Amino acid sequence: MEALLFDEVEAFKCTHLKSLCSVGQDLRRQSYGTVISIFESPWLQEVKQCYIDYCASARFTPKELQHFMITFDDGPCYEFICGAFKAV
C-alpha cells in the first residue's frame, strides 16, 4: 500500500464533483490519479507572501513552499501548499 505525505502544509483545498469545473480542465486532466506540481499559481503566490511576511515578523526562516494537486474519479480534487511531498 502506498501513502502520500504532504509535509509542512500551510494551506489546502478540496473541490468536489459539483464544483470541479472551477478547476481548469487541463489541470484536472494532468493531475488525474497523479500528483502534479503547479508552478507560480496565483494561490501559491498569495500564500507565499503571507507566509514570508509572518516568518519575517516572527523571525523564522521561511522554507520554500510548493503547490501540488491530485484529482480522483469524479472528484475530489485536492490541492496542497506545503514544504514537500513524497510517496511512502
N, C-alpha and C. Protein backbone atom coordinates (compact mmCIF):
# COMPACT_ATOMS: atom_id res chain seq x y z
N MET A 1 0.84 -1.18 0.00
CA MET A 1 0.00 0.00 0.00
C MET A 1 0.89 1.24 0.00
N GLU A 2 0.51 2.21 -0.78
CA GLU A 2 1.29 3.45 -0.89
C GLU A 2 0.50 4.58 -0.23
N ALA A 3 1.23 5.49 0.39
CA ALA A 3 0.61 6.67 1.02
C ALA A 3 1.27 7.91 0.46
N LEU A 4 0.54 9.00 0.46
CA LEU A 4 1.06 10.28 0.01
C LEU A 4 1.30 11.15 1.24
N LEU A 5 2.50 11.70 1.36
CA LEU A 5 2.85 12.52 2.50
C LEU A 5 3.11 13.95 2.03
N PHE A 6 2.25 14.86 2.47
CA PHE A 6 2.43 16.29 2.21
C PHE A 6 2.92 16.88 3.52
N ASP A 7 4.16 17.35 3.51
CA ASP A 7 4.83 17.80 4.73
C ASP A 7 4.79 19.32 4.84
N GLU A 8 4.64 19.81 6.06
CA GLU A 8 4.63 21.25 6.36
C GLU A 8 3.54 21.98 5.56
N VAL A 9 2.31 21.45 5.64
CA VAL A 9 1.18 22.02 4.90
C VAL A 9 0.81 23.37 5.50
N GLU A 10 0.74 24.37 4.65
CA GLU A 10 0.32 25.72 5.04
C GLU A 10 -1.13 25.98 4.64
N ALA A 11 -1.59 25.36 3.54
CA ALA A 11 -2.96 25.56 3.07
C ALA A 11 -3.36 24.37 2.22
N PHE A 12 -4.67 24.07 2.19
CA PHE A 12 -5.16 23.01 1.30
C PHE A 12 -6.57 23.33 0.85
N LYS A 13 -6.94 22.73 -0.29
CA LYS A 13 -8.28 22.87 -0.85
C LYS A 13 -8.77 21.49 -1.24
N CYS A 14 -10.08 21.31 -1.16
CA CYS A 14 -10.71 20.10 -1.65
C CYS A 14 -11.92 20.53 -2.47
N THR A 15 -11.91 20.22 -3.75
CA THR A 15 -13.00 20.60 -4.65
C THR A 15 -13.74 19.34 -5.05
N HIS A 16 -15.04 19.29 -4.78
CA HIS A 16 -15.84 18.11 -5.06
C HIS A 16 -16.50 18.17 -6.43
N LEU A 17 -17.11 17.07 -6.84
CA LEU A 17 -17.65 16.85 -8.17
C LEU A 17 -18.46 18.02 -8.72
N LYS A 18 -19.41 18.51 -7.96
CA LYS A 18 -20.30 19.54 -8.49
C LYS A 18 -19.59 20.86 -8.77
N SER A 19 -18.42 21.05 -8.21
CA SER A 19 -17.66 22.29 -8.41
C SER A 19 -16.36 22.09 -9.18
N LEU A 20 -16.15 20.88 -9.71
CA LEU A 20 -14.88 20.59 -10.38
C LEU A 20 -14.61 21.49 -11.58
N CYS A 21 -15.64 22.02 -12.20
CA CYS A 21 -15.40 22.89 -13.36
C CYS A 21 -14.67 24.18 -12.94
N SER A 22 -14.60 24.46 -11.63
CA SER A 22 -13.84 25.64 -11.18
C SER A 22 -12.34 25.40 -11.25
N VAL A 23 -11.94 24.14 -11.45
CA VAL A 23 -10.53 23.77 -11.63
C VAL A 23 -10.32 23.61 -13.13
N GLY A 24 -9.31 24.22 -13.67
CA GLY A 24 -9.06 24.16 -15.11
C GLY A 24 -9.03 22.74 -15.65
N GLN A 25 -9.62 22.53 -16.80
CA GLN A 25 -9.72 21.20 -17.40
C GLN A 25 -8.33 20.59 -17.64
N ASP A 26 -7.38 21.38 -18.11
CA ASP A 26 -6.03 20.86 -18.33
C ASP A 26 -5.39 20.38 -17.04
N LEU A 27 -5.57 21.16 -15.96
CA LEU A 27 -5.01 20.75 -14.67
C LEU A 27 -5.69 19.48 -14.16
N ARG A 28 -7.00 19.39 -14.34
CA ARG A 28 -7.72 18.18 -13.91
C ARG A 28 -7.20 16.97 -14.67
N ARG A 29 -6.99 17.12 -15.95
CA ARG A 29 -6.51 16.01 -16.78
C ARG A 29 -5.09 15.61 -16.36
N GLN A 30 -4.22 16.59 -16.19
CA GLN A 30 -2.82 16.29 -15.81
C GLN A 30 -2.72 15.66 -14.43
N SER A 31 -3.59 16.07 -13.51
CA SER A 31 -3.49 15.60 -12.13
C SER A 31 -4.35 14.38 -11.84
N TYR A 32 -5.01 13.83 -12.86
CA TYR A 32 -5.87 12.67 -12.65
C TYR A 32 -5.04 11.47 -12.19
N GLY A 33 -5.21 11.07 -10.95
CA GLY A 33 -4.53 9.91 -10.40
C GLY A 33 -3.05 10.08 -10.14
N THR A 34 -2.55 11.30 -10.29
CA THR A 34 -1.12 11.53 -10.05
C THR A 34 -0.92 12.92 -9.44
N VAL A 35 0.08 13.05 -8.62
CA VAL A 35 0.39 14.34 -8.01
C VAL A 35 1.21 15.16 -9.00
N ILE A 36 0.75 16.38 -9.24
CA ILE A 36 1.50 17.29 -10.10
C ILE A 36 1.90 18.52 -9.29
N SER A 37 2.92 19.18 -9.75
CA SER A 37 3.37 20.43 -9.15
C SER A 37 2.90 21.56 -10.04
N ILE A 38 2.33 22.59 -9.43
CA ILE A 38 1.87 23.76 -10.17
C ILE A 38 2.79 24.91 -9.80
N PHE A 39 3.48 25.43 -10.79
CA PHE A 39 4.47 26.48 -10.56
C PHE A 39 3.83 27.85 -10.68
N GLU A 40 4.13 28.70 -9.74
CA GLU A 40 3.73 30.11 -9.79
C GLU A 40 2.23 30.35 -9.96
N SER A 41 1.41 29.56 -9.29
CA SER A 41 -0.04 29.79 -9.33
C SER A 41 -0.38 31.04 -8.50
N PRO A 42 -1.48 31.71 -8.82
CA PRO A 42 -1.89 32.87 -8.02
C PRO A 42 -2.11 32.50 -6.55
N TRP A 43 -2.68 31.33 -6.30
CA TRP A 43 -2.92 30.90 -4.92
C TRP A 43 -1.59 30.70 -4.19
N LEU A 44 -0.62 30.06 -4.86
CA LEU A 44 0.70 29.86 -4.26
C LEU A 44 1.35 31.20 -3.94
N GLN A 45 1.28 32.15 -4.85
CA GLN A 45 1.88 33.46 -4.62
C GLN A 45 1.24 34.17 -3.42
N GLU A 46 -0.07 34.08 -3.31
CA GLU A 46 -0.78 34.72 -2.20
C GLU A 46 -0.38 34.11 -0.86
N VAL A 47 -0.36 32.78 -0.80
CA VAL A 47 0.02 32.10 0.46
C VAL A 47 1.48 32.36 0.78
N LYS A 48 2.34 32.30 -0.24
CA LYS A 48 3.77 32.56 -0.02
C LYS A 48 4.02 33.94 0.59
N GLN A 49 3.33 34.96 0.07
CA GLN A 49 3.54 36.31 0.56
C GLN A 49 3.14 36.42 2.03
N CYS A 50 2.00 35.87 2.39
CA CYS A 50 1.57 35.88 3.80
C CYS A 50 2.56 35.12 4.67
N TYR A 51 2.99 33.96 4.18
CA TYR A 51 3.93 33.11 4.90
C TYR A 51 5.26 33.84 5.14
N ILE A 52 5.79 34.47 4.09
CA ILE A 52 7.05 35.20 4.20
C ILE A 52 6.92 36.38 5.16
N ASP A 53 5.82 37.11 5.05
CA ASP A 53 5.58 38.24 5.96
C ASP A 53 5.52 37.77 7.41
N TYR A 54 4.82 36.67 7.65
CA TYR A 54 4.72 36.16 9.02
C TYR A 54 6.09 35.72 9.53
N CYS A 55 6.81 34.97 8.70
CA CYS A 55 8.13 34.49 9.12
C CYS A 55 9.06 35.66 9.44
N ALA A 56 8.99 36.73 8.66
CA ALA A 56 9.82 37.90 8.92
C ALA A 56 9.46 38.53 10.26
N SER A 57 8.17 38.68 10.53
CA SER A 57 7.76 39.32 11.79
C SER A 57 8.04 38.44 13.00
N ALA A 58 8.01 37.12 12.81
CA ALA A 58 8.26 36.19 13.91
C ALA A 58 9.73 35.76 13.99
N ARG A 59 10.52 36.28 13.05
CA ARG A 59 11.95 35.97 12.98
C ARG A 59 12.22 34.48 12.78
N PHE A 60 11.38 33.87 11.91
CA PHE A 60 11.58 32.48 11.49
C PHE A 60 12.22 32.50 10.11
N THR A 61 12.95 31.46 9.82
CA THR A 61 13.49 31.30 8.48
C THR A 61 12.44 30.60 7.62
N PRO A 62 11.95 31.26 6.57
CA PRO A 62 10.91 30.62 5.75
C PRO A 62 11.48 29.48 4.92
N LYS A 63 10.64 28.48 4.71
CA LYS A 63 11.00 27.37 3.83
C LYS A 63 10.34 27.62 2.48
N GLU A 64 10.84 26.98 1.46
CA GLU A 64 10.27 27.12 0.12
C GLU A 64 8.94 26.36 0.07
N LEU A 65 7.89 27.03 -0.36
CA LEU A 65 6.58 26.40 -0.47
C LEU A 65 6.32 25.99 -1.91
N GLN A 66 5.54 24.91 -2.07
CA GLN A 66 5.18 24.38 -3.38
C GLN A 66 3.69 24.12 -3.44
N HIS A 67 3.13 24.11 -4.65
CA HIS A 67 1.70 23.87 -4.87
C HIS A 67 1.57 22.52 -5.59
N PHE A 68 0.86 21.58 -4.95
CA PHE A 68 0.64 20.26 -5.52
C PHE A 68 -0.85 20.02 -5.70
N MET A 69 -1.20 19.15 -6.68
CA MET A 69 -2.60 18.83 -6.95
C MET A 69 -2.72 17.37 -7.35
N ILE A 70 -3.81 16.72 -6.93
CA ILE A 70 -4.17 15.38 -7.40
C ILE A 70 -5.69 15.32 -7.50
N THR A 71 -6.19 14.68 -8.57
CA THR A 71 -7.62 14.56 -8.81
C THR A 71 -7.98 13.09 -8.96
N PHE A 72 -9.14 12.73 -8.42
CA PHE A 72 -9.62 11.35 -8.49
C PHE A 72 -10.92 11.30 -9.30
N ASP A 73 -11.39 10.08 -9.62
CA ASP A 73 -12.64 9.90 -10.38
C ASP A 73 -13.74 10.78 -9.83
N ASP A 74 -14.36 11.58 -10.71
CA ASP A 74 -15.48 12.45 -10.35
C ASP A 74 -15.18 13.33 -9.15
N GLY A 75 -13.92 13.67 -8.94
CA GLY A 75 -13.53 14.46 -7.79
C GLY A 75 -13.36 13.52 -6.62
N PRO A 76 -12.89 13.95 -5.54
CA PRO A 76 -12.47 15.32 -5.33
C PRO A 76 -11.10 15.61 -5.93
N CYS A 77 -10.84 16.88 -6.03
CA CYS A 77 -9.54 17.39 -6.44
C CYS A 77 -8.91 18.01 -5.19
N TYR A 78 -7.74 17.52 -4.82
CA TYR A 78 -7.05 18.03 -3.64
C TYR A 78 -5.88 18.89 -4.08
N GLU A 79 -5.71 20.02 -3.40
CA GLU A 79 -4.56 20.89 -3.64
C GLU A 79 -3.90 21.20 -2.30
N PHE A 80 -2.59 21.22 -2.31
CA PHE A 80 -1.81 21.49 -1.10
C PHE A 80 -0.74 22.51 -1.40
N ILE A 81 -0.57 23.45 -0.50
CA ILE A 81 0.61 24.31 -0.50
C ILE A 81 1.40 23.89 0.72
N CYS A 82 2.59 23.38 0.46
CA CYS A 82 3.37 22.77 1.54
C CYS A 82 4.85 22.84 1.23
N GLY A 83 5.63 22.36 2.17
CA GLY A 83 7.08 22.38 2.03
C GLY A 83 7.61 21.25 1.18
N ALA A 84 6.95 20.08 1.22
CA ALA A 84 7.47 18.93 0.48
C ALA A 84 6.38 17.87 0.28
N PHE A 85 6.63 17.00 -0.68
CA PHE A 85 5.73 15.89 -0.96
C PHE A 85 6.58 14.67 -1.26
N LYS A 86 6.07 13.50 -0.80
CA LYS A 86 6.70 12.24 -1.20
C LYS A 86 5.69 11.11 -1.05
N ALA A 87 5.87 10.09 -1.86
CA ALA A 87 5.08 8.87 -1.76
C ALA A 87 5.83 7.94 -0.82
N VAL A 88 5.12 7.38 0.15
CA VAL A 88 5.77 6.48 1.12
C VAL A 88 5.06 5.14 1.16
